[in-house]
Amino acid sequence: MPEDQAPKKPVVIIEKASPSVMRERLAFRRQLAETDRISRLEGSLKQGRAEGVAEGRAKVQTEVARRMLQKNMPLSDIVAMTDLSEADVKRLAAEEKA
């Protein structure tokens, strides 16, 4: 194999940086890590709020269904008005009777 066609070894370049450049890079990495941490916390907060809203909505729907059961309203009306499943409304009805 001719020399000009021989596989070439990779060249590794080691960069020597001044202390000030190293401090800048370190500060940048720390800032990036902090930004990532804040983003994760904000995401968790949004998820927690959404879960709290869903939980509150479910409690209201359940309470409305209980009141409708106490008024002896038809099961189909309770399901339609509260968006609870028929099984959930039947479970609430059984709890009311107990």
N, C-alpha and C. Protein backbone atom coordinates (compact mmCIF):
# COMPACT_ATOMS: atom_id res chain seq x y z
N MET A 1 0.85 -1.18 0.00
CA MET A 1 0.00 0.00 0.00
C MET A 1 0.89 1.23 0.00
N PRO A 2 0.69 2.14 -0.94
CA PRO A 2 1.52 3.35 -0.98
C PRO A 2 1.28 4.20 0.25
N GLU A 3 2.29 4.97 0.57
CA GLU A 3 2.24 5.79 1.79
C GLU A 3 1.11 6.81 1.78
N ASP A 4 0.79 7.38 0.64
CA ASP A 4 -0.26 8.40 0.59
C ASP A 4 -1.65 7.79 0.74
N GLN A 5 -1.78 6.45 0.61
CA GLN A 5 -3.06 5.80 0.78
C GLN A 5 -3.17 5.08 2.13
N ALA A 6 -2.13 5.10 2.90
CA ALA A 6 -2.14 4.43 4.21
C ALA A 6 -3.12 5.14 5.13
N PRO A 7 -3.81 4.35 5.98
CA PRO A 7 -4.73 4.98 6.92
C PRO A 7 -3.98 5.94 7.84
N LYS A 8 -4.60 7.06 8.08
CA LYS A 8 -3.95 8.07 8.91
C LYS A 8 -4.43 7.93 10.35
N LYS A 9 -3.54 8.16 11.24
CA LYS A 9 -3.88 8.10 12.66
C LYS A 9 -4.64 9.38 13.03
N PRO A 10 -5.63 9.24 13.90
CA PRO A 10 -6.35 10.46 14.30
C PRO A 10 -5.43 11.38 15.08
N VAL A 11 -5.64 12.63 14.90
CA VAL A 11 -4.86 13.63 15.61
C VAL A 11 -5.69 14.13 16.78
N VAL A 12 -5.13 14.06 17.95
CA VAL A 12 -5.80 14.53 19.15
C VAL A 12 -5.20 15.88 19.51
N ILE A 13 -6.06 16.86 19.61
CA ILE A 13 -5.58 18.19 19.95
C ILE A 13 -5.97 18.46 21.40
N ILE A 14 -5.00 18.73 22.18
CA ILE A 14 -5.25 19.07 23.59
C ILE A 14 -5.15 20.57 23.71
N GLU A 15 -6.26 21.14 24.13
CA GLU A 15 -6.32 22.59 24.24
C GLU A 15 -5.88 22.99 25.65
N LYS A 16 -4.98 23.91 25.67
CA LYS A 16 -4.57 24.44 26.96
C LYS A 16 -5.27 25.77 27.13
N ALA A 17 -6.04 25.85 28.19
CA ALA A 17 -6.81 27.07 28.41
C ALA A 17 -6.24 27.82 29.60
N SER A 18 -6.38 29.10 29.53
CA SER A 18 -5.90 29.93 30.63
C SER A 18 -6.85 29.75 31.81
N PRO A 19 -6.41 30.06 33.02
CA PRO A 19 -7.27 29.94 34.20
C PRO A 19 -8.57 30.75 34.05
N SER A 20 -8.51 31.90 33.40
CA SER A 20 -9.73 32.71 33.26
C SER A 20 -10.73 32.02 32.33
N VAL A 21 -10.23 31.38 31.28
CA VAL A 21 -11.11 30.65 30.37
C VAL A 21 -11.71 29.45 31.10
N MET A 22 -10.92 28.78 31.89
CA MET A 22 -11.41 27.63 32.66
C MET A 22 -12.51 28.08 33.64
N ARG A 23 -12.32 29.23 34.29
CA ARG A 23 -13.33 29.76 35.21
C ARG A 23 -14.62 30.09 34.46
N GLU A 24 -14.48 30.67 33.29
CA GLU A 24 -15.67 30.99 32.47
C GLU A 24 -16.43 29.72 32.08
N ARG A 25 -15.69 28.71 31.68
CA ARG A 25 -16.33 27.45 31.31
C ARG A 25 -17.03 26.81 32.51
N LEU A 26 -16.37 26.84 33.63
CA LEU A 26 -16.96 26.28 34.85
C LEU A 26 -18.21 27.07 35.24
N ALA A 27 -18.15 28.37 35.16
CA ALA A 27 -19.32 29.21 35.47
C ALA A 27 -20.46 28.91 34.50
N PHE A 28 -20.13 28.73 33.24
CA PHE A 28 -21.16 28.40 32.25
C PHE A 28 -21.81 27.07 32.56
N ARG A 29 -20.99 26.08 32.87
CA ARG A 29 -21.55 24.75 33.20
C ARG A 29 -22.42 24.81 34.45
N ARG A 30 -22.00 25.58 35.44
CA ARG A 30 -22.82 25.72 36.66
C ARG A 30 -24.15 26.41 36.34
N GLN A 31 -24.10 27.44 35.51
CA GLN A 31 -25.32 28.15 35.12
C GLN A 31 -26.25 27.22 34.35
N LEU A 32 -25.69 26.43 33.46
CA LEU A 32 -26.48 25.48 32.69
C LEU A 32 -27.13 24.44 33.61
N ALA A 33 -26.38 23.95 34.58
CA ALA A 33 -26.92 22.97 35.53
C ALA A 33 -28.04 23.60 36.36
N GLU A 34 -27.88 24.84 36.77
CA GLU A 34 -28.91 25.53 37.55
C GLU A 34 -30.16 25.76 36.70
N THR A 35 -29.98 26.13 35.45
CA THR A 35 -31.12 26.32 34.55
C THR A 35 -31.87 25.01 34.37
N ASP A 36 -31.14 23.92 34.20
CA ASP A 36 -31.78 22.60 34.07
C ASP A 36 -32.55 22.25 35.34
N ARG A 37 -31.97 22.51 36.50
CA ARG A 37 -32.62 22.21 37.77
C ARG A 37 -33.91 23.01 37.92
N ILE A 38 -33.87 24.28 37.58
CA ILE A 38 -35.06 25.13 37.67
C ILE A 38 -36.14 24.64 36.70
N SER A 39 -35.74 24.24 35.51
CA SER A 39 -36.71 23.72 34.54
C SER A 39 -37.39 22.47 35.07
N ARG A 40 -36.62 21.59 35.68
CA ARG A 40 -37.21 20.36 36.25
C ARG A 40 -38.18 20.70 37.38
N LEU A 41 -37.82 21.65 38.23
CA LEU A 41 -38.69 22.06 39.33
C LEU A 41 -39.98 22.68 38.81
N GLU A 42 -39.87 23.54 37.80
CA GLU A 42 -41.07 24.15 37.22
C GLU A 42 -41.98 23.10 36.60
N GLY A 43 -41.39 22.11 35.94
CA GLY A 43 -42.18 21.02 35.37
C GLY A 43 -42.91 20.24 36.45
N SER A 44 -42.23 19.99 37.55
CA SER A 44 -42.86 19.26 38.66
C SER A 44 -43.99 20.09 39.26
N LEU A 45 -43.78 21.38 39.38
CA LEU A 45 -44.81 22.26 39.93
C LEU A 45 -46.05 22.27 39.05
N LYS A 46 -45.86 22.38 37.74
CA LYS A 46 -46.99 22.35 36.81
C LYS A 46 -47.74 21.03 36.91
N GLN A 47 -47.00 19.94 36.99
CA GLN A 47 -47.63 18.62 37.09
C GLN A 47 -48.41 18.52 38.40
N GLY A 48 -47.83 19.02 39.48
CA GLY A 48 -48.52 18.99 40.77
C GLY A 48 -49.80 19.80 40.76
N ARG A 49 -49.76 20.96 40.12
CA ARG A 49 -50.96 21.79 40.01
C ARG A 49 -52.04 21.07 39.22
N ALA A 50 -51.65 20.46 38.11
CA ALA A 50 -52.62 19.74 37.27
C ALA A 50 -53.24 18.58 38.04
N GLU A 51 -52.41 17.87 38.80
CA GLU A 51 -52.93 16.77 39.60
C GLU A 51 -53.86 17.28 40.69
N GLY A 52 -53.52 18.41 41.29
CA GLY A 52 -54.37 19.00 42.33
C GLY A 52 -55.71 19.43 41.78
N VAL A 53 -55.70 20.01 40.60
CA VAL A 53 -56.96 20.44 39.96
C VAL A 53 -57.81 19.22 39.65
N ALA A 54 -57.19 18.17 39.12
CA ALA A 54 -57.94 16.95 38.79
C ALA A 54 -58.52 16.32 40.05
N GLU A 55 -57.74 16.31 41.11
CA GLU A 55 -58.21 15.74 42.38
C GLU A 55 -59.38 16.56 42.93
N GLY A 56 -59.28 17.87 42.88
CA GLY A 56 -60.36 18.73 43.35
C GLY A 56 -61.62 18.55 42.53
N ARG A 57 -61.47 18.43 41.22
CA ARG A 57 -62.62 18.23 40.34
C ARG A 57 -63.30 16.90 40.67
N ALA A 58 -62.51 15.86 40.91
CA ALA A 58 -63.08 14.55 41.24
C ALA A 58 -63.85 14.61 42.56
N LYS A 59 -63.33 15.36 43.53
CA LYS A 59 -64.03 15.50 44.81
C LYS A 59 -65.37 16.21 44.64
N VAL A 60 -65.39 17.24 43.82
CA VAL A 60 -66.63 17.99 43.58
C VAL A 60 -67.63 17.09 42.87
N GLN A 61 -67.19 16.37 41.85
CA GLN A 61 -68.08 15.48 41.12
C GLN A 61 -68.67 14.42 42.05
N THR A 62 -67.85 13.89 42.93
CA THR A 62 -68.31 12.87 43.87
C THR A 62 -69.34 13.46 44.83
N GLU A 63 -69.09 14.66 45.33
CA GLU A 63 -70.03 15.29 46.25
C GLU A 63 -71.36 15.60 45.56
N VAL A 64 -71.30 16.08 44.34
CA VAL A 64 -72.53 16.35 43.59
C VAL A 64 -73.30 15.05 43.38
N ALA A 65 -72.60 13.98 43.04
CA ALA A 65 -73.26 12.69 42.84
C ALA A 65 -73.92 12.21 44.12
N ARG A 66 -73.25 12.40 45.25
CA ARG A 66 -73.84 12.00 46.55
C ARG A 66 -75.15 12.76 46.80
N ARG A 67 -75.12 14.05 46.53
CA ARG A 67 -76.34 14.86 46.75
C ARG A 67 -77.46 14.43 45.80
N MET A 68 -77.10 14.12 44.57
CA MET A 68 -78.11 13.68 43.61
C MET A 68 -78.70 12.32 44.05
N LEU A 69 -77.85 11.45 44.59
CA LEU A 69 -78.33 10.16 45.09
C LEU A 69 -79.30 10.36 46.26
N GLN A 70 -78.97 11.32 47.13
CA GLN A 70 -79.85 11.60 48.27
C GLN A 70 -81.22 12.10 47.81
N LYS A 71 -81.27 12.72 46.65
CA LYS A 71 -82.53 13.22 46.09
C LYS A 71 -83.21 12.16 45.22
N ASN A 72 -82.63 10.94 45.23
CA ASN A 72 -83.18 9.81 44.46
C ASN A 72 -83.28 10.09 42.97
N MET A 73 -82.28 10.78 42.42
CA MET A 73 -82.26 11.06 40.99
C MET A 73 -81.83 9.80 40.24
N PRO A 74 -82.28 9.64 39.01
CA PRO A 74 -81.92 8.45 38.22
C PRO A 74 -80.40 8.35 38.00
N LEU A 75 -79.95 7.11 38.01
CA LEU A 75 -78.53 6.82 37.83
C LEU A 75 -78.00 7.43 36.53
N SER A 76 -78.75 7.31 35.46
CA SER A 76 -78.30 7.83 34.16
C SER A 76 -78.12 9.34 34.20
N ASP A 77 -78.97 10.05 34.93
CA ASP A 77 -78.83 11.50 35.07
C ASP A 77 -77.57 11.85 35.86
N ILE A 78 -77.32 11.10 36.91
CA ILE A 78 -76.13 11.36 37.74
C ILE A 78 -74.86 11.15 36.92
N VAL A 79 -74.83 10.07 36.16
CA VAL A 79 -73.67 9.78 35.31
C VAL A 79 -73.48 10.91 34.30
N ALA A 80 -74.56 11.35 33.67
CA ALA A 80 -74.48 12.39 32.65
C ALA A 80 -74.05 13.73 33.24
N MET A 81 -74.53 14.05 34.43
CA MET A 81 -74.26 15.37 35.01
C MET A 81 -72.87 15.47 35.66
N THR A 82 -72.34 14.35 36.14
CA THR A 82 -71.08 14.40 36.89
C THR A 82 -69.88 13.88 36.12
N ASP A 83 -70.11 13.21 34.99
CA ASP A 83 -69.04 12.56 34.22
C ASP A 83 -68.36 11.44 34.99
N LEU A 84 -68.98 10.98 36.06
CA LEU A 84 -68.48 9.79 36.76
C LEU A 84 -68.96 8.56 36.01
N SER A 85 -68.25 7.46 36.17
CA SER A 85 -68.69 6.23 35.52
C SER A 85 -69.90 5.66 36.26
N GLU A 86 -70.62 4.82 35.57
CA GLU A 86 -71.78 4.18 36.19
C GLU A 86 -71.33 3.35 37.40
N ALA A 87 -70.20 2.69 37.27
CA ALA A 87 -69.68 1.88 38.38
C ALA A 87 -69.36 2.75 39.60
N ASP A 88 -68.79 3.92 39.36
CA ASP A 88 -68.48 4.83 40.48
C ASP A 88 -69.76 5.31 41.17
N VAL A 89 -70.77 5.62 40.38
CA VAL A 89 -72.03 6.09 40.97
C VAL A 89 -72.70 4.97 41.76
N LYS A 90 -72.64 3.76 41.23
CA LYS A 90 -73.21 2.62 41.96
C LYS A 90 -72.45 2.38 43.27
N ARG A 91 -71.14 2.55 43.22
CA ARG A 91 -70.33 2.39 44.44
C ARG A 91 -70.73 3.45 45.47
N LEU A 92 -70.92 4.68 45.02
CA LEU A 92 -71.36 5.74 45.93
C LEU A 92 -72.74 5.43 46.50
N ALA A 93 -73.62 4.92 45.68
CA ALA A 93 -74.97 4.57 46.12
C ALA A 93 -74.91 3.50 47.20
N ALA A 94 -74.03 2.53 47.02
CA ALA A 94 -73.87 1.47 48.04
C ALA A 94 -73.31 2.04 49.33
N GLU A 95 -72.40 2.98 49.22
CA GLU A 95 -71.84 3.63 50.42
C GLU A 95 -72.91 4.43 51.14
N GLU A 96 -73.78 5.09 50.39
CA GLU A 96 -74.86 5.89 50.99
C GLU A 96 -75.84 5.00 51.77
N LYS A 97 -76.07 3.79 51.25
CA LYS A 97 -77.01 2.88 51.91
C LYS A 97 -76.40 2.25 53.16
N ALA A 98 -75.09 2.15 53.21
CA ALA A 98 -74.43 1.50 54.34
C ALA A 98 -74.39 2.35 55.57
